[in-house]
Amino acid sequence: MTVTIWHNPKCATSRKVLDLIRARGHEPVIIDYQATPPTVPDIKAALKEAGMKPRDLLRRRGTPYDELGLGDPALSDAALIKAMHEHPILIERPVVRTPKGTRLARPVEAVLDIL
């Protein structure tokens, strides 16, 4: 089974999820999503697979969220997804994708049902 993690090596939660995936016997495909931003279609697919809306995946703390005015409720989903692609730091992490589903692994245990 292919397991992919959108990973930030500086994030303690992301490192814990990576360790958990490995402890469950999987060597995941690791995507440093800030160095290699997911495409707009990848973000859309991950959101659909996880049953999430773009605002559910937006990270606010330590990002240009406020500067970009992303709190404006009039912004479309497409505009939010474009912002996440252009500024990948806006994507909450870690996102784990497997054939069993996609999860924002917060808390860490949220990933267990797809491994």
PDB file of N, CA and C in Angstrom:
ATOM      1  N   MET A   1       0.845  -1.179   0.000  1.00  0.00           N
ATOM      2  CA  MET A   1       0.000   0.000   0.000  1.00  0.00           C
ATOM      3  C   MET A   1       0.888   1.239   0.000  1.00  0.00           C
ATOM      4  N   THR A   2       0.565   2.173  -0.883  1.00  0.00           N
ATOM      5  CA  THR A   2       1.300   3.426  -0.952  1.00  0.00           C
ATOM      6  C   THR A   2       0.719   4.416   0.047  1.00  0.00           C
ATOM      7  N   VAL A   3       1.586   4.939   0.886  1.00  0.00           N
ATOM      8  CA  VAL A   3       1.224   5.955   1.858  1.00  0.00           C
ATOM      9  C   VAL A   3       2.032   7.199   1.504  1.00  0.00           C
ATOM     10  N   THR A   4       1.340   8.315   1.381  1.00  0.00           N
ATOM     11  CA  THR A   4       2.004   9.580   1.069  1.00  0.00           C
ATOM     12  C   THR A   4       1.699  10.560   2.190  1.00  0.00           C
ATOM     13  N   ILE A   5       2.731  11.282   2.611  1.00  0.00           N
ATOM     14  CA  ILE A   5       2.557  12.293   3.654  1.00  0.00           C
ATOM     15  C   ILE A   5       3.059  13.633   3.142  1.00  0.00           C
ATOM     16  N   TRP A   6       2.195  14.649   3.256  1.00  0.00           N
ATOM     17  CA  TRP A   6       2.628  16.025   3.027  1.00  0.00           C
ATOM     18  C   TRP A   6       3.236  16.455   4.348  1.00  0.00           C
ATOM     19  N   HIS A   7       4.545  16.549   4.376  1.00  0.00           N
ATOM     20  CA  HIS A   7       5.325  16.609   5.616  1.00  0.00           C
ATOM     21  C   HIS A   7       6.068  17.933   5.746  1.00  0.00           C
ATOM     22  N   ASN A   8       6.152  18.392   6.993  1.00  0.00           N
ATOM     23  CA  ASN A   8       7.004  19.521   7.342  1.00  0.00           C
ATOM     24  C   ASN A   8       7.957  19.004   8.412  1.00  0.00           C
ATOM     25  N   PRO A   9       9.236  18.795   8.071  1.00  0.00           N
ATOM     26  CA  PRO A   9      10.170  18.227   9.035  1.00  0.00           C
ATOM     27  C   PRO A   9      10.391  19.088  10.276  1.00  0.00           C
ATOM     28  N   LYS A  10      10.006  20.355  10.232  1.00  0.00           N
ATOM     29  CA  LYS A  10      10.152  21.243  11.391  1.00  0.00           C
ATOM     30  C   LYS A  10       8.988  21.115  12.373  1.00  0.00           C
ATOM     31  N   CYS A  11       7.928  20.422  11.969  1.00  0.00           N
ATOM     32  CA  CYS A  11       6.712  20.322  12.772  1.00  0.00           C
ATOM     33  C   CYS A  11       6.738  19.038  13.612  1.00  0.00           C
ATOM     34  N   ALA A  12       6.597  19.182  14.918  1.00  0.00           N
ATOM     35  CA  ALA A  12       6.622  18.026  15.818  1.00  0.00           C
ATOM     36  C   ALA A  12       5.482  17.056  15.510  1.00  0.00           C
ATOM     37  N   THR A  13       4.295  17.560  15.231  1.00  0.00           N
ATOM     38  CA  THR A  13       3.167  16.685  14.915  1.00  0.00           C
ATOM     39  C   THR A  13       3.440  15.909  13.641  1.00  0.00           C
ATOM     40  N   SER A  14       3.970  16.573  12.650  1.00  0.00           N
ATOM     41  CA  SER A  14       4.282  15.916  11.386  1.00  0.00           C
ATOM     42  C   SER A  14       5.329  14.811  11.597  1.00  0.00           C
ATOM     43  N   ARG A  15       6.330  15.078  12.409  1.00  0.00           N
ATOM     44  CA  ARG A  15       7.353  14.060  12.701  1.00  0.00           C
ATOM     45  C   ARG A  15       6.748  12.876  13.452  1.00  0.00           C
ATOM     46  N   LYS A  16       5.831  13.145  14.382  1.00  0.00           N
ATOM     47  CA  LYS A  16       5.178  12.062  15.129  1.00  0.00           C
ATOM     48  C   LYS A  16       4.339  11.188  14.197  1.00  0.00           C
ATOM     49  N   VAL A  17       3.639  11.813  13.270  1.00  0.00           N
ATOM     50  CA  VAL A  17       2.824  11.051  12.319  1.00  0.00           C
ATOM     51  C   VAL A  17       3.726  10.199  11.433  1.00  0.00           C
ATOM     52  N   LEU A  18       4.819  10.759  10.975  1.00  0.00           N
ATOM     53  CA  LEU A  18       5.767   9.999  10.156  1.00  0.00           C
ATOM     54  C   LEU A  18       6.289   8.794  10.937  1.00  0.00           C
ATOM     55  N   ASP A  19       6.637   8.998  12.199  1.00  0.00           N
ATOM     56  CA  ASP A  19       7.097   7.882  13.044  1.00  0.00           C
ATOM     57  C   ASP A  19       6.013   6.828  13.208  1.00  0.00           C
ATOM     58  N   LEU A  20       4.771   7.249  13.384  1.00  0.00           N
ATOM     59  CA  LEU A  20       3.657   6.316  13.542  1.00  0.00           C
ATOM     60  C   LEU A  20       3.439   5.495  12.276  1.00  0.00           C
ATOM     61  N   ILE A  21       3.500   6.144  11.122  1.00  0.00           N
ATOM     62  CA  ILE A  21       3.351   5.432   9.851  1.00  0.00           C
ATOM     63  C   ILE A  21       4.422   4.352   9.726  1.00  0.00           C
ATOM     64  N   ARG A  22       5.648   4.726  10.044  1.00  0.00           N
ATOM     65  CA  ARG A  22       6.753   3.753   9.967  1.00  0.00           C
ATOM     66  C   ARG A  22       6.590   2.643  10.991  1.00  0.00           C
ATOM     67  N   ALA A  23       6.124   2.979  12.186  1.00  0.00           N
ATOM     68  CA  ALA A  23       5.913   1.968  13.227  1.00  0.00           C
ATOM     69  C   ALA A  23       4.843   0.957  12.813  1.00  0.00           C
ATOM     70  N   ARG A  24       3.934   1.372  11.938  1.00  0.00           N
ATOM     71  CA  ARG A  24       2.877   0.486  11.431  1.00  0.00           C
ATOM     72  C   ARG A  24       3.334  -0.295  10.199  1.00  0.00           C
ATOM     73  N   GLY A  25       4.637  -0.184   9.877  1.00  0.00           N
ATOM     74  CA  GLY A  25       5.206  -1.010   8.816  1.00  0.00           C
ATOM     75  C   GLY A  25       5.183  -0.422   7.421  1.00  0.00           C
ATOM     76  N   HIS A  26       4.980   0.883   7.302  1.00  0.00           N
ATOM     77  CA  HIS A  26       4.936   1.521   5.990  1.00  0.00           C
ATOM     78  C   HIS A  26       6.100   2.493   5.843  1.00  0.00           C
ATOM     79  N   GLU A  27       6.719   2.489   4.687  1.00  0.00           N
ATOM     80  CA  GLU A  27       7.702   3.521   4.373  1.00  0.00           C
ATOM     81  C   GLU A  27       7.027   4.465   3.386  1.00  0.00           C
ATOM     82  N   PRO A  28       6.590   5.622   3.874  1.00  0.00           N
ATOM     83  CA  PRO A  28       5.786   6.511   3.041  1.00  0.00           C
ATOM     84  C   PRO A  28       6.592   7.282   2.002  1.00  0.00           C
ATOM     85  N   VAL A  29       5.885   7.742   1.006  1.00  0.00           N
ATOM     86  CA  VAL A  29       6.416   8.740   0.092  1.00  0.00           C
ATOM     87  C   VAL A  29       6.300  10.060   0.860  1.00  0.00           C
ATOM     88  N   ILE A  30       7.422  10.707   1.064  1.00  0.00           N
ATOM     89  CA  ILE A  30       7.443  11.943   1.853  1.00  0.00           C
ATOM     90  C   ILE A  30       7.544  13.129   0.909  1.00  0.00           C
ATOM     91  N   ILE A  31       6.568  14.004   0.992  1.00  0.00           N
ATOM     92  CA  ILE A  31       6.574  15.216   0.180  1.00  0.00           C
ATOM     93  C   ILE A  31       6.730  16.399   1.120  1.00  0.00           C
ATOM     94  N   ASP A  32       7.872  17.065   1.017  1.00  0.00           N
ATOM     95  CA  ASP A  32       8.059  18.315   1.752  1.00  0.00           C
ATOM     96  C   ASP A  32       7.229  19.352   0.999  1.00  0.00           C
ATOM     97  N   TYR A  33       5.995  19.504   1.438  1.00  0.00           N
ATOM     98  CA  TYR A  33       5.025  20.268   0.670  1.00  0.00           C
ATOM     99  C   TYR A  33       5.357  21.751   0.559  1.00  0.00           C
ATOM    100  N   GLN A  34       6.254  22.241   1.409  1.00  0.00           N
ATOM    101  CA  GLN A  34       6.655  23.642   1.272  1.00  0.00           C
ATOM    102  C   GLN A  34       7.705  23.794   0.176  1.00  0.00           C
ATOM    103  N   ALA A  35       8.561  22.785   0.022  1.00  0.00           N
ATOM    104  CA  ALA A  35       9.573  22.810  -1.034  1.00  0.00           C
ATOM    105  C   ALA A  35       8.976  22.425  -2.384  1.00  0.00           C
ATOM    106  N   THR A  36       8.008  21.509  -2.345  1.00  0.00           N
ATOM    107  CA  THR A  36       7.334  21.042  -3.558  1.00  0.00           C
ATOM    108  C   THR A  36       5.831  21.178  -3.334  1.00  0.00           C
ATOM    109  N   PRO A  37       5.291  22.370  -3.579  1.00  0.00           N
ATOM    110  CA  PRO A  37       3.865  22.593  -3.291  1.00  0.00           C
ATOM    111  C   PRO A  37       2.957  21.663  -4.094  1.00  0.00           C
ATOM    112  N   PRO A  38       1.910  21.150  -3.453  1.00  0.00           N
ATOM    113  CA  PRO A  38       0.944  20.359  -4.200  1.00  0.00           C
ATOM    114  C   PRO A  38       0.263  21.223  -5.259  1.00  0.00           C
ATOM    115  N   THR A  39      -0.084  20.601  -6.361  1.00  0.00           N
ATOM    116  CA  THR A  39      -0.785  21.316  -7.418  1.00  0.00           C
ATOM    117  C   THR A  39      -2.211  21.610  -6.974  1.00  0.00           C
ATOM    118  N   VAL A  40      -2.864  22.504  -7.683  1.00  0.00           N
ATOM    119  CA  VAL A  40      -4.266  22.795  -7.396  1.00  0.00           C
ATOM    120  C   VAL A  40      -5.100  21.510  -7.502  1.00  0.00           C
ATOM    121  N   PRO A  41      -4.927  20.693  -8.563  1.00  0.00           N
ATOM    122  CA  PRO A  41      -5.687  19.435  -8.619  1.00  0.00           C
ATOM    123  C   PRO A  41      -5.374  18.491  -7.448  1.00  0.00           C
ATOM    124  N   ASP A  42      -4.114  18.458  -6.988  1.00  0.00           N
ATOM    125  CA  ASP A  42      -3.769  17.613  -5.832  1.00  0.00           C
ATOM    126  C   ASP A  42      -4.478  18.089  -4.571  1.00  0.00           C
ATOM    127  N   ILE A  43      -4.522  19.388  -4.361  1.00  0.00           N
ATOM    128  CA  ILE A  43      -5.201  19.938  -3.185  1.00  0.00           C
ATOM    129  C   ILE A  43      -6.691  19.632  -3.259  1.00  0.00           C
ATOM    130  N   LYS A  44      -7.281  19.838  -4.434  1.00  0.00           N
ATOM    131  CA  LYS A  44      -8.703  19.535  -4.606  1.00  0.00           C
ATOM    132  C   LYS A  44      -8.985  18.060  -4.333  1.00  0.00           C
ATOM    133  N   ALA A  45      -8.137  17.183  -4.856  1.00  0.00           N
ATOM    134  CA  ALA A  45      -8.337  15.748  -4.659  1.00  0.00           C
ATOM    135  C   ALA A  45      -8.213  15.375  -3.185  1.00  0.00           C
ATOM    136  N   ALA A  46      -7.205  15.916  -2.501  1.00  0.00           N
ATOM    137  CA  ALA A  46      -7.020  15.606  -1.081  1.00  0.00           C
ATOM    138  C   ALA A  46      -8.224  16.083  -0.265  1.00  0.00           C
ATOM    139  N   LEU A  47      -8.718  17.276  -0.578  1.00  0.00           N
ATOM    140  CA  LEU A  47      -9.895  17.793   0.126  1.00  0.00           C
ATOM    141  C   LEU A  47     -11.104  16.892  -0.090  1.00  0.00           C
ATOM    142  N   LYS A  48     -11.326  16.484  -1.329  1.00  0.00           N
ATOM    143  CA  LYS A  48     -12.469  15.624  -1.641  1.00  0.00           C
ATOM    144  C   LYS A  48     -12.343  14.283  -0.923  1.00  0.00           C
ATOM    145  N   GLU A  49     -11.143  13.678  -0.987  1.00  0.00           N
ATOM    146  CA  GLU A  49     -10.910  12.384  -0.348  1.00  0.00           C
ATOM    147  C   GLU A  49     -11.123  12.458   1.160  1.00  0.00           C
ATOM    148  N   ALA A  50     -10.748  13.577   1.754  1.00  0.00           N
ATOM    149  CA  ALA A  50     -10.863  13.739   3.206  1.00  0.00           C
ATOM    150  C   ALA A  50     -12.231  14.259   3.630  1.00  0.00           C
ATOM    151  N   GLY A  51     -13.062  14.653   2.663  1.00  0.00           N
ATOM    152  CA  GLY A  51     -14.368  15.216   2.992  1.00  0.00           C
ATOM    153  C   GLY A  51     -14.255  16.564   3.682  1.00  0.00           C
ATOM    154  N   MET A  52     -13.265  17.343   3.259  1.00  0.00           N
ATOM    155  CA  MET A  52     -12.999  18.639   3.878  1.00  0.00           C
ATOM    156  C   MET A  52     -13.291  19.773   2.914  1.00  0.00           C
ATOM    157  N   LYS A  53     -13.518  20.929   3.473  1.00  0.00           N
ATOM    158  CA  LYS A  53     -13.625  22.164   2.717  1.00  0.00           C
ATOM    159  C   LYS A  53     -12.270  22.869   2.794  1.00  0.00           C
ATOM    160  N   PRO A  54     -11.953  23.738   1.827  1.00  0.00           N
ATOM    161  CA  PRO A  54     -10.663  24.421   1.862  1.00  0.00           C
ATOM    162  C   PRO A  54     -10.369  25.132   3.185  1.00  0.00           C
ATOM    163  N   ARG A  55     -11.358  25.758   3.785  1.00  0.00           N
ATOM    164  CA  ARG A  55     -11.098  26.454   5.055  1.00  0.00           C
ATOM    165  C   ARG A  55     -10.671  25.487   6.164  1.00  0.00           C
ATOM    166  N   ASP A  56     -11.084  24.216   6.057  1.00  0.00           N
ATOM    167  CA  ASP A  56     -10.706  23.214   7.054  1.00  0.00           C
ATOM    168  C   ASP A  56      -9.216  22.894   7.004  1.00  0.00           C
ATOM    169  N   LEU A  57      -8.591  23.163   5.864  1.00  0.00           N
ATOM    170  CA  LEU A  57      -7.182  22.825   5.666  1.00  0.00           C
ATOM    171  C   LEU A  57      -6.269  24.039   5.774  1.00  0.00           C
ATOM    172  N   LEU A  58      -6.854  25.208   5.967  1.00  0.00           N
ATOM    173  CA  LEU A  58      -6.049  26.430   6.061  1.00  0.00           C
ATOM    174  C   LEU A  58      -5.392  26.574   7.428  1.00  0.00           C
ATOM    175  N   ARG A  59      -4.118  26.826   7.403  1.00  0.00           N
ATOM    176  CA  ARG A  59      -3.370  27.112   8.628  1.00  0.00           C
ATOM    177  C   ARG A  59      -3.286  28.632   8.772  1.00  0.00           C
ATOM    178  N   ARG A  60      -3.546  29.112   9.950  1.00  0.00           N
ATOM    179  CA  ARG A  60      -3.528  30.554  10.184  1.00  0.00           C
ATOM    180  C   ARG A  60      -2.248  31.015  10.875  1.00  0.00           C
ATOM    181  N   ARG A  61      -1.872  30.311  11.926  1.00  0.00           N
ATOM    182  CA  ARG A  61      -0.720  30.718  12.744  1.00  0.00           C
ATOM    183  C   ARG A  61       0.583  30.594  11.955  1.00  0.00           C
ATOM    184  N   GLY A  62       1.378  31.661  11.970  1.00  0.00           N
ATOM    185  CA  GLY A  62       2.681  31.639  11.318  1.00  0.00           C
ATOM    186  C   GLY A  62       2.613  31.645   9.796  1.00  0.00           C
ATOM    187  N   THR A  63       1.514  32.153   9.256  1.00  0.00           N
ATOM    188  CA  THR A  63       1.330  32.172   7.807  1.00  0.00           C
ATOM    189  C   THR A  63       0.884  33.561   7.356  1.00  0.00           C
ATOM    190  N   PRO A  64       0.830  33.782   6.046  1.00  0.00           N
ATOM    191  CA  PRO A  64       0.322  35.064   5.550  1.00  0.00           C
ATOM    192  C   PRO A  64      -1.207  35.121   5.455  1.00  0.00           C
ATOM    193  N   TYR A  65      -1.898  34.298   6.228  1.00  0.00           N
ATOM    194  CA  TYR A  65      -3.367  34.226   6.207  1.00  0.00           C
ATOM    195  C   TYR A  65      -4.002  35.611   6.331  1.00  0.00           C
ATOM    196  N   ASP A  66      -3.620  36.352   7.365  1.00  0.00           N
ATOM    197  CA  ASP A  66      -4.210  37.679   7.585  1.00  0.00           C
ATOM    198  C   ASP A  66      -3.794  38.668   6.497  1.00  0.00           C
ATOM    199  N   GLU A  67      -2.517  38.650   6.141  1.00  0.00           N
ATOM    200  CA  GLU A  67      -2.017  39.566   5.108  1.00  0.00           C
ATOM    201  C   GLU A  67      -2.755  39.387   3.790  1.00  0.00           C
ATOM    202  N   LEU A  68      -3.114  38.144   3.477  1.00  0.00           N
ATOM    203  CA  LEU A  68      -3.793  37.840   2.219  1.00  0.00           C
ATOM    204  C   LEU A  68      -5.306  38.006   2.308  1.00  0.00           C
ATOM    205  N   GLY A  69      -5.798  38.341   3.501  1.00  0.00           N
ATOM    206  CA  GLY A  69      -7.231  38.552   3.675  1.00  0.00           C
ATOM    207  C   GLY A  69      -8.056  37.289   3.517  1.00  0.00           C
ATOM    208  N   LEU A  70      -7.483  36.139   3.894  1.00  0.00           N
ATOM    209  CA  LEU A  70      -8.162  34.866   3.671  1.00  0.00           C
ATOM    210  C   LEU A  70      -9.321  34.623   4.631  1.00  0.00           C
ATOM    211  N   GLY A  71      -9.477  35.473   5.609  1.00  0.00           N
ATOM    212  CA  GLY A  71     -10.614  35.359   6.508  1.00  0.00           C
ATOM    213  C   GLY A  71     -11.904  35.903   5.902  1.00  0.00           C
ATOM    214  N   ASP A  72     -11.795  36.525   4.744  1.00  0.00           N
ATOM    215  CA  ASP A  72     -12.967  37.099   4.071  1.00  0.00           C
ATOM    216  C   ASP A  72     -13.908  35.972   3.641  1.00  0.00           C
ATOM    217  N   PRO A  73     -15.121  35.916   4.205  1.00  0.00           N
ATOM    218  CA  PRO A  73     -16.044  34.831   3.863  1.00  0.00           C
ATOM    219  C   PRO A  73     -16.519  34.867   2.417  1.00  0.00           C
ATOM    220  N   ALA A  74     -16.280  35.978   1.721  1.00  0.00           N
ATOM    221  CA  ALA A  74     -16.691  36.074   0.323  1.00  0.00           C
ATOM    222  C   ALA A  74     -15.732  35.357  -0.627  1.00  0.00           C
ATOM    223  N   LEU A  75     -14.550  34.975  -0.136  1.00  0.00           N
ATOM    224  CA  LEU A  75     -13.588  34.293  -1.000  1.00  0.00           C
ATOM    225  C   LEU A  75     -14.108  32.907  -1.381  1.00  0.00           C
ATOM    226  N   SER A  76     -13.942  32.566  -2.622  1.00  0.00           N
ATOM    227  CA  SER A  76     -14.397  31.261  -3.120  1.00  0.00           C
ATOM    228  C   SER A  76     -13.431  30.152  -2.702  1.00  0.00           C
ATOM    229  N   ASP A  77     -13.918  28.932  -2.778  1.00  0.00           N
ATOM    230  CA  ASP A  77     -13.055  27.777  -2.524  1.00  0.00           C
ATOM    231  C   ASP A  77     -11.877  27.785  -3.481  1.00  0.00           C
ATOM    232  N   ALA A  78     -12.122  28.128  -4.732  1.00  0.00           N
ATOM    233  CA  ALA A  78     -11.048  28.170  -5.733  1.00  0.00           C
ATOM    234  C   ALA A  78      -9.967  29.173  -5.336  1.00  0.00           C
ATOM    235  N   ALA A  79     -10.364  30.316  -4.811  1.00  0.00           N
ATOM    236  CA  ALA A  79      -9.393  31.327  -4.384  1.00  0.00           C
ATOM    237  C   ALA A  79      -8.568  30.828  -3.204  1.00  0.00           C
ATOM    238  N   LEU A  80      -9.205  30.126  -2.283  1.00  0.00           N
ATOM    239  CA  LEU A  80      -8.480  29.585  -1.127  1.00  0.00           C
ATOM    240  C   LEU A  80      -7.503  28.504  -1.552  1.00  0.00           C
ATOM    241  N   ILE A  81      -7.926  27.634  -2.455  1.00  0.00           N
ATOM    242  CA  ILE A  81      -7.050  26.567  -2.946  1.00  0.00           C
ATOM    243  C   ILE A  81      -5.869  27.164  -3.707  1.00  0.00           C
ATOM    244  N   LYS A  82      -6.124  28.177  -4.512  1.00  0.00           N
ATOM    245  CA  LYS A  82      -5.039  28.858  -5.235  1.00  0.00           C
ATOM    246  C   LYS A  82      -4.039  29.455  -4.244  1.00  0.00           C
ATOM    247  N   ALA A  83      -4.536  30.068  -3.181  1.00  0.00           N
ATOM    248  CA  ALA A  83      -3.648  30.646  -2.164  1.00  0.00           C
ATOM    249  C   ALA A  83      -2.798  29.564  -1.502  1.00  0.00           C
ATOM    250  N   MET A  84      -3.404  28.397  -1.224  1.00  0.00           N
ATOM    251  CA  MET A  84      -2.640  27.291  -0.615  1.00  0.00           C
ATOM    252  C   MET A  84      -1.550  26.796  -1.559  1.00  0.00           C
ATOM    253  N   HIS A  85      -1.855  26.748  -2.845  1.00  0.00           N
ATOM    254  CA  HIS A  85      -0.846  26.323  -3.817  1.00  0.00           C
ATOM    255  C   HIS A  85       0.287  27.346  -3.892  1.00  0.00           C
ATOM    256  N   GLU A  86      -0.069  28.624  -3.935  1.00  0.00           N
ATOM    257  CA  GLU A  86       0.936  29.679  -4.073  1.00  0.00           C
ATOM    258  C   GLU A  86       1.725  29.914  -2.787  1.00  0.00           C
ATOM    259  N   HIS A  87       1.116  29.617  -1.652  1.00  0.00           N
ATOM    260  CA  HIS A  87       1.751  29.802  -0.339  1.00  0.00           C
ATOM    261  C   HIS A  87       1.536  28.514   0.463  1.00  0.00           C
ATOM    262  N   PRO A  88       2.290  27.456   0.169  1.00  0.00           N
ATOM    263  CA  PRO A  88       2.014  26.159   0.787  1.00  0.00           C
ATOM    264  C   PRO A  88       2.104  26.145   2.315  1.00  0.00           C
ATOM    265  N   ILE A  89       2.724  27.151   2.896  1.00  0.00           N
ATOM    266  CA  ILE A  89       2.749  27.226   4.357  1.00  0.00           C
ATOM    267  C   ILE A  89       1.338  27.363   4.925  1.00  0.00           C
ATOM    268  N   LEU A  90       0.389  27.765   4.068  1.00  0.00           N
ATOM    269  CA  LEU A  90      -1.007  27.896   4.489  1.00  0.00           C
ATOM    270  C   LEU A  90      -1.700  26.544   4.681  1.00  0.00           C
ATOM    271  N   ILE A  91      -1.087  25.466   4.186  1.00  0.00           N
ATOM    272  CA  ILE A  91      -1.697  24.144   4.303  1.00  0.00           C
ATOM    273  C   ILE A  91      -1.389  23.580   5.686  1.00  0.00           C
ATOM    274  N   GLU A  92      -2.434  23.232   6.416  1.00  0.00           N
ATOM    275  CA  GLU A  92      -2.255  22.590   7.727  1.00  0.00           C
ATOM    276  C   GLU A  92      -1.619  21.232   7.479  1.00  0.00           C
ATOM    277  N   ARG A  93      -0.817  20.800   8.415  1.00  0.00           N
ATOM    278  CA  ARG A  93      -0.086  19.558   8.228  1.00  0.00           C
ATOM    279  C   ARG A  93      -0.197  18.675   9.439  1.00  0.00           C
ATOM    280  N   PRO A  94       0.140  17.426   9.226  1.00  0.00           N
ATOM    281  CA  PRO A  94       0.442  16.713   7.989  1.00  0.00           C
ATOM    282  C   PRO A  94      -0.827  16.142   7.354  1.00  0.00           C
ATOM    283  N   VAL A  95      -0.797  16.041   6.047  1.00  0.00           N
ATOM    284  CA  VAL A  95      -1.869  15.388   5.304  1.00  0.00           C
ATOM    285  C   VAL A  95      -1.330  14.030   4.880  1.00  0.00           C
ATOM    286  N   VAL A  96      -2.092  12.983   5.170  1.00  0.00           N
ATOM    287  CA  VAL A  96      -1.683  11.624   4.819  1.00  0.00           C
ATOM    288  C   VAL A  96      -2.717  11.052   3.861  1.00  0.00           C
ATOM    289  N   ARG A  97      -2.204  10.495   2.750  1.00  0.00           N
ATOM    290  CA  ARG A  97      -3.072   9.905   1.724  1.00  0.00           C
ATOM    291  C   ARG A  97      -2.696   8.434   1.543  1.00  0.00           C
ATOM    292  N   THR A  98      -3.706   7.578   1.557  1.00  0.00           N
ATOM    293  CA  THR A  98      -3.515   6.150   1.301  1.00  0.00           C
ATOM    294  C   THR A  98      -4.701   5.685   0.448  1.00  0.00           C
ATOM    295  N   PRO A  99      -4.639   4.455  -0.063  1.00  0.00           N
ATOM    296  CA  PRO A  99      -5.793   3.935  -0.794  1.00  0.00           C
ATOM    297  C   PRO A  99      -7.054   3.840   0.076  1.00  0.00           C
ATOM    298  N   LYS A 100      -6.887   3.847   1.396  1.00  0.00           N
ATOM    299  CA  LYS A 100      -8.023   3.761   2.314  1.00  0.00           C
ATOM    300  C   LYS A 100      -8.626   5.122   2.647  1.00  0.00           C
ATOM    301  N   GLY A 101      -7.976   6.203   2.219  1.00  0.00           N
ATOM    302  CA  GLY A 101      -8.506   7.527   2.504  1.00  0.00           C
ATOM    303  C   GLY A 101      -7.422   8.564   2.711  1.00  0.00           C
ATOM    304  N   THR A 102      -7.866   9.766   2.999  1.00  0.00           N
ATOM    305  CA  THR A 102      -6.977  10.896   3.228  1.00  0.00           C
ATOM    306  C   THR A 102      -7.389  11.558   4.533  1.00  0.00           C
ATOM    307  N   ARG A 103      -6.390  11.925   5.333  1.00  0.00           N
ATOM    308  CA  ARG A 103      -6.672  12.562   6.620  1.00  0.00           C
ATOM    309  C   ARG A 103      -5.697  13.702   6.881  1.00  0.00           C
ATOM    310  N   LEU A 104      -6.222  14.741   7.514  1.00  0.00           N
ATOM    311  CA  LEU A 104      -5.372  15.724   8.172  1.00  0.00           C
ATOM    312  C   LEU A 104      -5.081  15.081   9.518  1.00  0.00           C
ATOM    313  N   ALA A 105      -3.858  14.712   9.750  1.00  0.00           N
ATOM    314  CA  ALA A 105      -3.493  13.921  10.926  1.00  0.00           C
ATOM    315  C   ALA A 105      -3.289  14.797  12.156  1.00  0.00           C
ATOM    316  N   ARG A 106      -4.339  15.449  12.544  1.00  0.00           N
ATOM    317  CA  ARG A 106      -4.403  16.238  13.780  1.00  0.00           C
ATOM    318  C   ARG A 106      -5.700  15.882  14.464  1.00  0.00           C
ATOM    319  N   PRO A 107      -5.644  15.181  15.547  1.00  0.00           N
ATOM    320  CA  PRO A 107      -4.482  14.685  16.272  1.00  0.00           C
ATOM    321  C   PRO A 107      -3.803  13.544  15.502  1.00  0.00           C
ATOM    322  N   VAL A 108      -2.640  13.181  15.982  1.00  0.00           N
ATOM    323  CA  VAL A 108      -1.805  12.155  15.339  1.00  0.00           C
ATOM    324  C   VAL A 108      -2.611  10.886  15.060  1.00  0.00           C
ATOM    325  N   GLU A 109      -3.443  10.488  15.990  1.00  0.00           N
ATOM    326  CA  GLU A 109      -4.193   9.233  15.897  1.00  0.00           C
ATOM    327  C   GLU A 109      -5.209   9.239  14.749  1.00  0.00           C
ATOM    328  N   ALA A 110      -5.501  10.398  14.190  1.00  0.00           N
ATOM    329  CA  ALA A 110      -6.479  10.487  13.093  1.00  0.00           C
ATOM    330  C   ALA A 110      -6.053   9.678  11.874  1.00  0.00           C
ATOM    331  N   VAL A 111      -4.781   9.360  11.804  1.00  0.00           N
ATOM    332  CA  VAL A 111      -4.268   8.623  10.651  1.00  0.00           C
ATOM    333  C   VAL A 111      -4.462   7.101  10.780  1.00  0.00           C
ATOM    334  N   LEU A 112      -4.729   6.626  11.968  1.00  0.00           N
ATOM    335  CA  LEU A 112      -4.748   5.182  12.193  1.00  0.00           C
ATOM    336  C   LEU A 112      -5.764   4.434  11.341  1.00  0.00           C
ATOM    337  N   ASP A 113      -6.927   5.011  11.115  1.00  0.00           N
ATOM    338  CA  ASP A 113      -7.954   4.273  10.372  1.00  0.00           C
ATOM    339  C   ASP A 113      -7.685   4.169   8.879  1.00  0.00           C
ATOM    340  N   ILE A 114      -6.666   4.843   8.376  1.00  0.00           N
ATOM    341  CA  ILE A 114      -6.346   4.714   6.949  1.00  0.00           C
ATOM    342  C   ILE A 114      -5.041   3.964   6.704  1.00  0.00           C
ATOM    343  N   LEU A 115      -4.415   3.481   7.758  1.00  0.00           N
ATOM    344  CA  LEU A 115      -3.170   2.709   7.595  1.00  0.00           C
ATOM    345  C   LEU A 115      -3.471   1.229   7.499  1.00  0.00           C
TER     346      LEU A 115
END
